[in-house]
Amino acid sequence: MSEAPAFIASTLAGVLLGIVFFGGLWWTIRRGVLSRHPAAWFFGSLLLRMAAVLACFYFVSGRDWRRLLACLLGFLLARILVTRLTRAPIRKRSPEIAGGTP
């Protein structure tokens, strides 16, 4: 039972890592598409985000696969959260554009 706080902390660390990783991806996409050198933005961001997340996964896991799994679960939960928060609003299409009749 004393391992429960470690698993909760690992899951919360995974959520934080996921927010940083996927929030950074969202920020990179917004900046990269307007840049004169989008490949440099995307490649540099990928290297930085991956290195940071992998190093933190290693640190958080403490060489325990269960804590690593808890961290990964938090990371995936953050992916869902960030995806929903950064989704573009859905616009209603007019029937003419959709190919239907008015």
PDB file of N, CA and C in Angstrom:
ATOM      1  N   MET A   1       0.807  -1.191   0.000  1.00  0.00           N
ATOM      2  CA  MET A   1       0.000   0.000   0.000  1.00  0.00           C
ATOM      3  C   MET A   1       0.854   1.261   0.000  1.00  0.00           C
ATOM      4  N   SER A   2       2.083   1.162   0.444  1.00  0.00           N
ATOM      5  CA  SER A   2       2.937   2.340   0.494  1.00  0.00           C
ATOM      6  C   SER A   2       3.426   2.760  -0.891  1.00  0.00           C
ATOM      7  N   GLU A   3       3.211   1.903  -1.894  1.00  0.00           N
ATOM      8  CA  GLU A   3       3.635   2.245  -3.253  1.00  0.00           C
ATOM      9  C   GLU A   3       2.600   3.101  -3.975  1.00  0.00           C
ATOM     10  N   ALA A   4       1.403   3.204  -3.443  1.00  0.00           N
ATOM     11  CA  ALA A   4       0.338   3.968  -4.094  1.00  0.00           C
ATOM     12  C   ALA A   4       0.718   5.436  -4.307  1.00  0.00           C
ATOM     13  N   PRO A   5       1.310   6.127  -3.321  1.00  0.00           N
ATOM     14  CA  PRO A   5       1.705   7.516  -3.581  1.00  0.00           C
ATOM     15  C   PRO A   5       2.730   7.650  -4.717  1.00  0.00           C
ATOM     16  N   ALA A   6       3.604   6.678  -4.852  1.00  0.00           N
ATOM     17  CA  ALA A   6       4.589   6.721  -5.939  1.00  0.00           C
ATOM     18  C   ALA A   6       3.902   6.565  -7.297  1.00  0.00           C
ATOM     19  N   PHE A   7       2.892   5.693  -7.361  1.00  0.00           N
ATOM     20  CA  PHE A   7       2.171   5.509  -8.618  1.00  0.00           C
ATOM     21  C   PHE A   7       1.328   6.735  -8.961  1.00  0.00           C
ATOM     22  N   ILE A   8       0.736   7.336  -7.957  1.00  0.00           N
ATOM     23  CA  ILE A   8      -0.043   8.561  -8.189  1.00  0.00           C
ATOM     24  C   ILE A   8       0.877   9.691  -8.654  1.00  0.00           C
ATOM     25  N   ALA A   9       2.029   9.813  -8.007  1.00  0.00           N
ATOM     26  CA  ALA A   9       2.989  10.851  -8.410  1.00  0.00           C
ATOM     27  C   ALA A   9       3.507  10.591  -9.820  1.00  0.00           C
ATOM     28  N   SER A  10       3.737   9.326 -10.165  1.00  0.00           N
ATOM     29  CA  SER A  10       4.195   8.989 -11.513  1.00  0.00           C
ATOM     30  C   SER A  10       3.140   9.324 -12.556  1.00  0.00           C
ATOM     31  N   THR A  11       1.875   9.048 -12.226  1.00  0.00           N
ATOM     32  CA  THR A  11       0.793   9.366 -13.156  1.00  0.00           C
ATOM     33  C   THR A  11       0.666  10.873 -13.343  1.00  0.00           C
ATOM     34  N   LEU A  12       0.755  11.620 -12.263  1.00  0.00           N
ATOM     35  CA  LEU A  12       0.679  13.086 -12.365  1.00  0.00           C
ATOM     36  C   LEU A  12       1.874  13.650 -13.131  1.00  0.00           C
ATOM     37  N   ALA A  13       3.045  13.054 -12.921  1.00  0.00           N
ATOM     38  CA  ALA A  13       4.218  13.481 -13.696  1.00  0.00           C
ATOM     39  C   ALA A  13       4.009  13.202 -15.174  1.00  0.00           C
ATOM     40  N   GLY A  14       3.387  12.066 -15.493  1.00  0.00           N
ATOM     41  CA  GLY A  14       3.081  11.743 -16.885  1.00  0.00           C
ATOM     42  C   GLY A  14       2.106  12.724 -17.500  1.00  0.00           C
ATOM     43  N   VAL A  15       1.118  13.142 -16.721  1.00  0.00           N
ATOM     44  CA  VAL A  15       0.167  14.145 -17.213  1.00  0.00           C
ATOM     45  C   VAL A  15       0.901  15.451 -17.513  1.00  0.00           C
ATOM     46  N   LEU A  16       1.763  15.865 -16.605  1.00  0.00           N
ATOM     47  CA  LEU A  16       2.527  17.096 -16.815  1.00  0.00           C
ATOM     48  C   LEU A  16       3.434  16.980 -18.038  1.00  0.00           C
ATOM     49  N   LEU A  17       4.103  15.837 -18.181  1.00  0.00           N
ATOM     50  CA  LEU A  17       4.955  15.627 -19.355  1.00  0.00           C
ATOM     51  C   LEU A  17       4.140  15.653 -20.642  1.00  0.00           C
ATOM     52  N   GLY A  18       2.971  15.041 -20.607  1.00  0.00           N
ATOM     53  CA  GLY A  18       2.112  15.035 -21.791  1.00  0.00           C
ATOM     54  C   GLY A  18       1.630  16.420 -22.164  1.00  0.00           C
ATOM     55  N   ILE A  19       1.290  17.212 -21.154  1.00  0.00           N
ATOM     56  CA  ILE A  19       0.859  18.587 -21.428  1.00  0.00           C
ATOM     57  C   ILE A  19       1.993  19.379 -22.068  1.00  0.00           C
ATOM     58  N   VAL A  20       3.192  19.211 -21.546  1.00  0.00           N
ATOM     59  CA  VAL A  20       4.348  19.914 -22.113  1.00  0.00           C
ATOM     60  C   VAL A  20       4.634  19.409 -23.525  1.00  0.00           C
ATOM     61  N   PHE A  21       4.611  18.086 -23.724  1.00  0.00           N
ATOM     62  CA  PHE A  21       4.936  17.513 -25.031  1.00  0.00           C
ATOM     63  C   PHE A  21       3.905  17.909 -26.083  1.00  0.00           C
ATOM     64  N   PHE A  22       2.637  17.632 -25.817  1.00  0.00           N
ATOM     65  CA  PHE A  22       1.607  17.892 -26.827  1.00  0.00           C
ATOM     66  C   PHE A  22       1.254  19.374 -26.921  1.00  0.00           C
ATOM     67  N   GLY A  23       1.371  20.102 -25.826  1.00  0.00           N
ATOM     68  CA  GLY A  23       1.229  21.559 -25.902  1.00  0.00           C
ATOM     69  C   GLY A  23       2.362  22.168 -26.726  1.00  0.00           C
ATOM     70  N   GLY A  24       3.560  21.628 -26.564  1.00  0.00           N
ATOM     71  CA  GLY A  24       4.700  22.077 -27.375  1.00  0.00           C
ATOM     72  C   GLY A  24       4.511  21.755 -28.846  1.00  0.00           C
ATOM     73  N   LEU A  25       3.918  20.604 -29.130  1.00  0.00           N
ATOM     74  CA  LEU A  25       3.624  20.242 -30.518  1.00  0.00           C
ATOM     75  C   LEU A  25       2.615  21.217 -31.118  1.00  0.00           C
ATOM     76  N   TRP A  26       1.570  21.534 -30.364  1.00  0.00           N
ATOM     77  CA  TRP A  26       0.561  22.484 -30.839  1.00  0.00           C
ATOM     78  C   TRP A  26       1.199  23.847 -31.115  1.00  0.00           C
ATOM     79  N   TRP A  27       2.034  24.293 -30.175  1.00  0.00           N
ATOM     80  CA  TRP A  27       2.718  25.577 -30.342  1.00  0.00           C
ATOM     81  C   TRP A  27       3.637  25.540 -31.558  1.00  0.00           C
ATOM     82  N   THR A  28       4.355  24.437 -31.761  1.00  0.00           N
ATOM     83  CA  THR A  28       5.261  24.302 -32.900  1.00  0.00           C
ATOM     84  C   THR A  28       4.505  24.358 -34.215  1.00  0.00           C
ATOM     85  N   ILE A  29       3.374  23.704 -34.276  1.00  0.00           N
ATOM     86  CA  ILE A  29       2.588  23.713 -35.515  1.00  0.00           C
ATOM     87  C   ILE A  29       2.118  25.122 -35.826  1.00  0.00           C
ATOM     88  N   ARG A  30       1.639  25.809 -34.820  1.00  0.00           N
ATOM     89  CA  ARG A  30       1.179  27.182 -35.042  1.00  0.00           C
ATOM     90  C   ARG A  30       2.315  28.097 -35.495  1.00  0.00           C
ATOM     91  N   ARG A  31       3.501  27.934 -34.942  1.00  0.00           N
ATOM     92  CA  ARG A  31       4.646  28.755 -35.333  1.00  0.00           C
ATOM     93  C   ARG A  31       5.281  28.272 -36.640  1.00  0.00           C
ATOM     94  N   GLY A  32       5.346  26.951 -36.803  1.00  0.00           N
ATOM     95  CA  GLY A  32       6.053  26.378 -37.939  1.00  0.00           C
ATOM     96  C   GLY A  32       5.399  26.648 -39.271  1.00  0.00           C
ATOM     97  N   VAL A  33       4.077  26.643 -39.328  1.00  0.00           N
ATOM     98  CA  VAL A  33       3.410  26.850 -40.614  1.00  0.00           C
ATOM     99  C   VAL A  33       3.574  28.286 -41.113  1.00  0.00           C
ATOM    100  N   LEU A  34       3.875  29.215 -40.219  1.00  0.00           N
ATOM    101  CA  LEU A  34       4.068  30.610 -40.621  1.00  0.00           C
ATOM    102  C   LEU A  34       5.541  30.958 -40.818  1.00  0.00           C
ATOM    103  N   SER A  35       6.422  30.021 -40.532  1.00  0.00           N
ATOM    104  CA  SER A  35       7.852  30.279 -40.581  1.00  0.00           C
ATOM    105  C   SER A  35       8.402  30.149 -42.000  1.00  0.00           C
ATOM    106  N   ARG A  36       9.537  30.784 -42.214  1.00  0.00           N
ATOM    107  CA  ARG A  36      10.231  30.629 -43.497  1.00  0.00           C
ATOM    108  C   ARG A  36      10.977  29.305 -43.549  1.00  0.00           C
ATOM    109  N   HIS A  37      11.239  28.700 -42.382  1.00  0.00           N
ATOM    110  CA  HIS A  37      11.955  27.427 -42.300  1.00  0.00           C
ATOM    111  C   HIS A  37      11.175  26.448 -41.426  1.00  0.00           C
ATOM    112  N   PRO A  38      10.057  25.945 -41.935  1.00  0.00           N
ATOM    113  CA  PRO A  38       9.226  25.076 -41.097  1.00  0.00           C
ATOM    114  C   PRO A  38       9.906  23.760 -40.727  1.00  0.00           C
ATOM    115  N   ALA A  39      10.734  23.224 -41.597  1.00  0.00           N
ATOM    116  CA  ALA A  39      11.399  21.956 -41.292  1.00  0.00           C
ATOM    117  C   ALA A  39      12.299  22.090 -40.069  1.00  0.00           C
ATOM    118  N   ALA A  40      12.982  23.207 -39.952  1.00  0.00           N
ATOM    119  CA  ALA A  40      13.840  23.435 -38.787  1.00  0.00           C
ATOM    120  C   ALA A  40      13.009  23.518 -37.508  1.00  0.00           C
ATOM    121  N   TRP A  41      11.856  24.177 -37.581  1.00  0.00           N
ATOM    122  CA  TRP A  41      10.974  24.260 -36.419  1.00  0.00           C
ATOM    123  C   TRP A  41      10.503  22.878 -35.988  1.00  0.00           C
ATOM    124  N   PHE A  42      10.010  22.099 -36.951  1.00  0.00           N
ATOM    125  CA  PHE A  42       9.451  20.796 -36.615  1.00  0.00           C
ATOM    126  C   PHE A  42      10.518  19.818 -36.140  1.00  0.00           C
ATOM    127  N   PHE A  43      11.655  19.793 -36.813  1.00  0.00           N
ATOM    128  CA  PHE A  43      12.715  18.867 -36.424  1.00  0.00           C
ATOM    129  C   PHE A  43      13.332  19.257 -35.083  1.00  0.00           C
ATOM    130  N   GLY A  44      13.592  20.539 -34.898  1.00  0.00           N
ATOM    131  CA  GLY A  44      14.159  20.995 -33.631  1.00  0.00           C
ATOM    132  C   GLY A  44      13.217  20.770 -32.462  1.00  0.00           C
ATOM    133  N   SER A  45      11.951  21.030 -32.682  1.00  0.00           N
ATOM    134  CA  SER A  45      10.955  20.816 -31.638  1.00  0.00           C
ATOM    135  C   SER A  45      10.833  19.337 -31.294  1.00  0.00           C
ATOM    136  N   LEU A  46      10.839  18.489 -32.311  1.00  0.00           N
ATOM    137  CA  LEU A  46      10.747  17.051 -32.069  1.00  0.00           C
ATOM    138  C   LEU A  46      11.923  16.563 -31.235  1.00  0.00           C
ATOM    139  N   LEU A  47      13.126  16.969 -31.598  1.00  0.00           N
ATOM    140  CA  LEU A  47      14.309  16.549 -30.846  1.00  0.00           C
ATOM    141  C   LEU A  47      14.260  17.037 -29.400  1.00  0.00           C
ATOM    142  N   LEU A  48      13.905  18.274 -29.207  1.00  0.00           N
ATOM    143  CA  LEU A  48      13.851  18.843 -27.861  1.00  0.00           C
ATOM    144  C   LEU A  48      12.766  18.178 -27.015  1.00  0.00           C
ATOM    145  N   ARG A  49      11.576  18.038 -27.572  1.00  0.00           N
ATOM    146  CA  ARG A  49      10.476  17.434 -26.822  1.00  0.00           C
ATOM    147  C   ARG A  49      10.739  15.968 -26.505  1.00  0.00           C
ATOM    148  N   MET A  50      11.255  15.209 -27.471  1.00  0.00           N
ATOM    149  CA  MET A  50      11.533  13.791 -27.245  1.00  0.00           C
ATOM    150  C   MET A  50      12.636  13.592 -26.211  1.00  0.00           C
ATOM    151  N   ALA A  51      13.694  14.376 -26.312  1.00  0.00           N
ATOM    152  CA  ALA A  51      14.789  14.244 -25.349  1.00  0.00           C
ATOM    153  C   ALA A  51      14.314  14.554 -23.938  1.00  0.00           C
ATOM    154  N   ALA A  52      13.534  15.602 -23.792  1.00  0.00           N
ATOM    155  CA  ALA A  52      13.043  15.984 -22.469  1.00  0.00           C
ATOM    156  C   ALA A  52      12.107  14.924 -21.899  1.00  0.00           C
ATOM    157  N   VAL A  53      11.186  14.427 -22.709  1.00  0.00           N
ATOM    158  CA  VAL A  53      10.222  13.444 -22.225  1.00  0.00           C
ATOM    159  C   VAL A  53      10.902  12.117 -21.896  1.00  0.00           C
ATOM    160  N   LEU A  54      11.804  11.659 -22.734  1.00  0.00           N
ATOM    161  CA  LEU A  54      12.479  10.396 -22.453  1.00  0.00           C
ATOM    162  C   LEU A  54      13.342  10.484 -21.200  1.00  0.00           C
ATOM    163  N   ALA A  55      14.023  11.589 -21.028  1.00  0.00           N
ATOM    164  CA  ALA A  55      14.836  11.765 -19.820  1.00  0.00           C
ATOM    165  C   ALA A  55      13.949  11.791 -18.576  1.00  0.00           C
ATOM    166  N   CYS A  56      12.825  12.475 -18.657  1.00  0.00           N
ATOM    167  CA  CYS A  56      11.913  12.533 -17.508  1.00  0.00           C
ATOM    168  C   CYS A  56      11.257  11.178 -17.245  1.00  0.00           C
ATOM    169  N   PHE A  57      10.918  10.439 -18.296  1.00  0.00           N
ATOM    170  CA  PHE A  57      10.385   9.084 -18.095  1.00  0.00           C
ATOM    171  C   PHE A  57      11.391   8.231 -17.341  1.00  0.00           C
ATOM    172  N   TYR A  58      12.636   8.311 -17.730  1.00  0.00           N
ATOM    173  CA  TYR A  58      13.679   7.537 -17.071  1.00  0.00           C
ATOM    174  C   TYR A  58      13.815   7.948 -15.607  1.00  0.00           C
ATOM    175  N   PHE A  59      13.796   9.236 -15.355  1.00  0.00           N
ATOM    176  CA  PHE A  59      13.926   9.743 -13.992  1.00  0.00           C
ATOM    177  C   PHE A  59      12.723   9.359 -13.131  1.00  0.00           C
ATOM    178  N   VAL A  60      11.525   9.520 -13.660  1.00  0.00           N
ATOM    179  CA  VAL A  60      10.298   9.238 -12.904  1.00  0.00           C
ATOM    180  C   VAL A  60      10.163   7.748 -12.625  1.00  0.00           C
ATOM    181  N   SER A  61      10.539   6.914 -13.583  1.00  0.00           N
ATOM    182  CA  SER A  61      10.339   5.477 -13.415  1.00  0.00           C
ATOM    183  C   SER A  61      11.162   4.902 -12.269  1.00  0.00           C
ATOM    184  N   GLY A  62      12.326   5.441 -12.016  1.00  0.00           N
ATOM    185  CA  GLY A  62      13.170   4.901 -10.961  1.00  0.00           C
ATOM    186  C   GLY A  62      13.494   3.433 -11.190  1.00  0.00           C
ATOM    187  N   ARG A  63      13.593   3.029 -12.431  1.00  0.00           N
ATOM    188  CA  ARG A  63      13.872   1.647 -12.845  1.00  0.00           C
ATOM    189  C   ARG A  63      12.783   0.669 -12.402  1.00  0.00           C
ATOM    190  N   ASP A  64      11.575   1.159 -12.246  1.00  0.00           N
ATOM    191  CA  ASP A  64      10.435   0.314 -11.899  1.00  0.00           C
ATOM    192  C   ASP A  64       9.438   0.376 -13.051  1.00  0.00           C
ATOM    193  N   TRP A  65       9.176  -0.756 -13.681  1.00  0.00           N
ATOM    194  CA  TRP A  65       8.330  -0.765 -14.870  1.00  0.00           C
ATOM    195  C   TRP A  65       6.896  -0.341 -14.539  1.00  0.00           C
ATOM    196  N   ARG A  66       6.438  -0.572 -13.319  1.00  0.00           N
ATOM    197  CA  ARG A  66       5.072  -0.186 -12.953  1.00  0.00           C
ATOM    198  C   ARG A  66       4.939   1.337 -12.863  1.00  0.00           C
ATOM    199  N   ARG A  67       5.976   1.991 -12.349  1.00  0.00           N
ATOM    200  CA  ARG A  67       5.936   3.456 -12.301  1.00  0.00           C
ATOM    201  C   ARG A  67       6.072   4.043 -13.699  1.00  0.00           C
ATOM    202  N   LEU A  68       6.865   3.394 -14.542  1.00  0.00           N
ATOM    203  CA  LEU A  68       6.974   3.827 -15.931  1.00  0.00           C
ATOM    204  C   LEU A  68       5.627   3.693 -16.633  1.00  0.00           C
ATOM    205  N   LEU A  69       4.925   2.602 -16.377  1.00  0.00           N
ATOM    206  CA  LEU A  69       3.612   2.394 -16.963  1.00  0.00           C
ATOM    207  C   LEU A  69       2.605   3.430 -16.463  1.00  0.00           C
ATOM    208  N   ALA A  70       2.665   3.752 -15.171  1.00  0.00           N
ATOM    209  CA  ALA A  70       1.781   4.787 -14.615  1.00  0.00           C
ATOM    210  C   ALA A  70       2.081   6.146 -15.256  1.00  0.00           C
ATOM    211  N   CYS A  71       3.346   6.441 -15.471  1.00  0.00           N
ATOM    212  CA  CYS A  71       3.747   7.700 -16.117  1.00  0.00           C
ATOM    213  C   CYS A  71       3.241   7.736 -17.557  1.00  0.00           C
ATOM    214  N   LEU A  72       3.349   6.613 -18.245  1.00  0.00           N
ATOM    215  CA  LEU A  72       2.864   6.537 -19.622  1.00  0.00           C
ATOM    216  C   LEU A  72       1.351   6.709 -19.683  1.00  0.00           C
ATOM    217  N   LEU A  73       0.644   6.142 -18.709  1.00  0.00           N
ATOM    218  CA  LEU A  73      -0.803   6.319 -18.648  1.00  0.00           C
ATOM    219  C   LEU A  73      -1.159   7.800 -18.488  1.00  0.00           C
ATOM    220  N   GLY A  74      -0.475   8.488 -17.600  1.00  0.00           N
ATOM    221  CA  GLY A  74      -0.699   9.923 -17.437  1.00  0.00           C
ATOM    222  C   GLY A  74      -0.381  10.701 -18.701  1.00  0.00           C
ATOM    223  N   PHE A  75       0.676  10.291 -19.394  1.00  0.00           N
ATOM    224  CA  PHE A  75       1.077  10.920 -20.654  1.00  0.00           C
ATOM    225  C   PHE A  75      -0.036  10.784 -21.687  1.00  0.00           C
ATOM    226  N   LEU A  76      -0.626   9.605 -21.785  1.00  0.00           N
ATOM    227  CA  LEU A  76      -1.704   9.382 -22.745  1.00  0.00           C
ATOM    228  C   LEU A  76      -2.979  10.128 -22.352  1.00  0.00           C
ATOM    229  N   LEU A  77      -3.243  10.225 -21.065  1.00  0.00           N
ATOM    230  CA  LEU A  77      -4.392  11.018 -20.612  1.00  0.00           C
ATOM    231  C   LEU A  77      -4.213  12.488 -20.978  1.00  0.00           C
ATOM    232  N   ALA A  78      -3.001  12.976 -20.855  1.00  0.00           N
ATOM    233  CA  ALA A  78      -2.719  14.367 -21.228  1.00  0.00           C
ATOM    234  C   ALA A  78      -2.902  14.569 -22.728  1.00  0.00           C
ATOM    235  N   ARG A  79      -2.587  13.545 -23.520  1.00  0.00           N
ATOM    236  CA  ARG A  79      -2.774  13.646 -24.966  1.00  0.00           C
ATOM    237  C   ARG A  79      -4.246  13.885 -25.286  1.00  0.00           C
ATOM    238  N   ILE A  80      -5.118  13.144 -24.629  1.00  0.00           N
ATOM    239  CA  ILE A  80      -6.556  13.310 -24.837  1.00  0.00           C
ATOM    240  C   ILE A  80      -6.986  14.713 -24.405  1.00  0.00           C
ATOM    241  N   LEU A  81      -6.502  15.142 -23.257  1.00  0.00           N
ATOM    242  CA  LEU A  81      -6.858  16.459 -22.728  1.00  0.00           C
ATOM    243  C   LEU A  81      -6.398  17.580 -23.655  1.00  0.00           C
ATOM    244  N   VAL A  82      -5.153  17.559 -24.070  1.00  0.00           N
ATOM    245  CA  VAL A  82      -4.617  18.620 -24.928  1.00  0.00           C
ATOM    246  C   VAL A  82      -5.291  18.592 -26.290  1.00  0.00           C
ATOM    247  N   THR A  83      -5.573  17.402 -26.814  1.00  0.00           N
ATOM    248  CA  THR A  83      -6.244  17.301 -28.108  1.00  0.00           C
ATOM    249  C   THR A  83      -7.625  17.943 -28.060  1.00  0.00           C
ATOM    250  N   ARG A  84      -8.345  17.708 -26.982  1.00  0.00           N
ATOM    251  CA  ARG A  84      -9.681  18.297 -26.859  1.00  0.00           C
ATOM    252  C   ARG A  84      -9.633  19.802 -26.621  1.00  0.00           C
ATOM    253  N   LEU A  85      -8.650  20.265 -25.883  1.00  0.00           N
ATOM    254  CA  LEU A  85      -8.570  21.699 -25.589  1.00  0.00           C
ATOM    255  C   LEU A  85      -8.090  22.530 -26.771  1.00  0.00           C
ATOM    256  N   THR A  86      -7.317  21.938 -27.662  1.00  0.00           N
ATOM    257  CA  THR A  86      -6.749  22.694 -28.779  1.00  0.00           C
ATOM    258  C   THR A  86      -7.469  22.443 -30.098  1.00  0.00           C
ATOM    259  N   ARG A  87      -8.551  21.702 -30.056  1.00  0.00           N
ATOM    260  CA  ARG A  87      -9.294  21.404 -31.274  1.00  0.00           C
ATOM    261  C   ARG A  87      -9.943  22.669 -31.812  1.00  0.00           C
ATOM    262  N   ALA A  88      -9.894  22.826 -33.120  1.00  0.00           N
ATOM    263  CA  ALA A  88     -10.528  23.982 -33.757  1.00  0.00           C
ATOM    264  C   ALA A  88     -12.045  23.827 -33.660  1.00  0.00           C
ATOM    265  N   PRO A  89     -12.759  24.928 -33.478  1.00  0.00           N
ATOM    266  CA  PRO A  89     -14.224  24.831 -33.395  1.00  0.00           C
ATOM    267  C   PRO A  89     -14.815  24.346 -34.715  1.00  0.00           C
ATOM    268  N   ILE A  90     -15.864  23.564 -34.616  1.00  0.00           N
ATOM    269  CA  ILE A  90     -16.524  23.034 -35.805  1.00  0.00           C
ATOM    270  C   ILE A  90     -17.507  24.086 -36.312  1.00  0.00           C
ATOM    271  N   ARG A  91     -17.359  24.412 -37.581  1.00  0.00           N
ATOM    272  CA  ARG A  91     -18.247  25.394 -38.196  1.00  0.00           C
ATOM    273  C   ARG A  91     -19.334  24.661 -38.959  1.00  0.00           C
ATOM    274  N   LYS A  92     -20.526  25.216 -38.914  1.00  0.00           N
ATOM    275  CA  LYS A  92     -21.616  24.613 -39.679  1.00  0.00           C
ATOM    276  C   LYS A  92     -21.422  24.950 -41.147  1.00  0.00           C
ATOM    277  N   ARG A  93     -21.553  23.917 -41.968  1.00  0.00           N
ATOM    278  CA  ARG A  93     -21.421  24.141 -43.406  1.00  0.00           C
ATOM    279  C   ARG A  93     -22.790  24.432 -44.006  1.00  0.00           C
ATOM    280  N   SER A  94     -22.789  25.286 -44.982  1.00  0.00           N
ATOM    281  CA  SER A  94     -24.051  25.579 -45.664  1.00  0.00           C
ATOM    282  C   SER A  94     -24.398  24.390 -46.574  1.00  0.00           C
ATOM    283  N   PRO A  95     -25.672  24.174 -46.859  1.00  0.00           N
ATOM    284  CA  PRO A  95     -26.067  23.032 -47.698  1.00  0.00           C
ATOM    285  C   PRO A  95     -25.460  23.085 -49.096  1.00  0.00           C
ATOM    286  N   GLU A  96     -25.207  24.278 -49.630  1.00  0.00           N
ATOM    287  CA  GLU A  96     -24.626  24.393 -50.965  1.00  0.00           C
ATOM    288  C   GLU A  96     -23.212  23.822 -50.989  1.00  0.00           C
ATOM    289  N   ILE A  97     -22.450  24.076 -49.935  1.00  0.00           N
ATOM    290  CA  ILE A  97     -21.089  23.577 -49.883  1.00  0.00           C
ATOM    291  C   ILE A  97     -21.068  22.074 -49.643  1.00  0.00           C
ATOM    292  N   ALA A  98     -21.985  21.595 -48.840  1.00  0.00           N
ATOM    293  CA  ALA A  98     -22.039  20.173 -48.510  1.00  0.00           C
ATOM    294  C   ALA A  98     -22.562  19.329 -49.668  1.00  0.00           C
ATOM    295  N   GLY A  99     -23.137  19.965 -50.675  1.00  0.00           N
ATOM    296  CA  GLY A  99     -23.640  19.230 -51.837  1.00  0.00           C
ATOM    297  C   GLY A  99     -25.096  18.861 -51.744  1.00  0.00           C
ATOM    298  N   GLY A 100     -25.762  19.344 -50.715  1.00  0.00           N
ATOM    299  CA  GLY A 100     -27.183  19.064 -50.526  1.00  0.00           C
ATOM    300  C   GLY A 100     -28.038  20.170 -51.099  1.00  0.00           C
ATOM    301  N   THR A 101     -29.325  20.029 -50.931  1.00  0.00           N
ATOM    302  CA  THR A 101     -30.233  21.089 -51.388  1.00  0.00           C
ATOM    303  C   THR A 101     -30.568  21.994 -50.220  1.00  0.00           C
ATOM    304  N   PRO A 102     -30.808  23.268 -50.523  1.00  0.00           N
ATOM    305  CA  PRO A 102     -31.091  24.220 -49.438  1.00  0.00           C
ATOM    306  C   PRO A 102     -32.401  23.998 -48.750  1.00  0.00           C
TER     307      PRO A 102
END
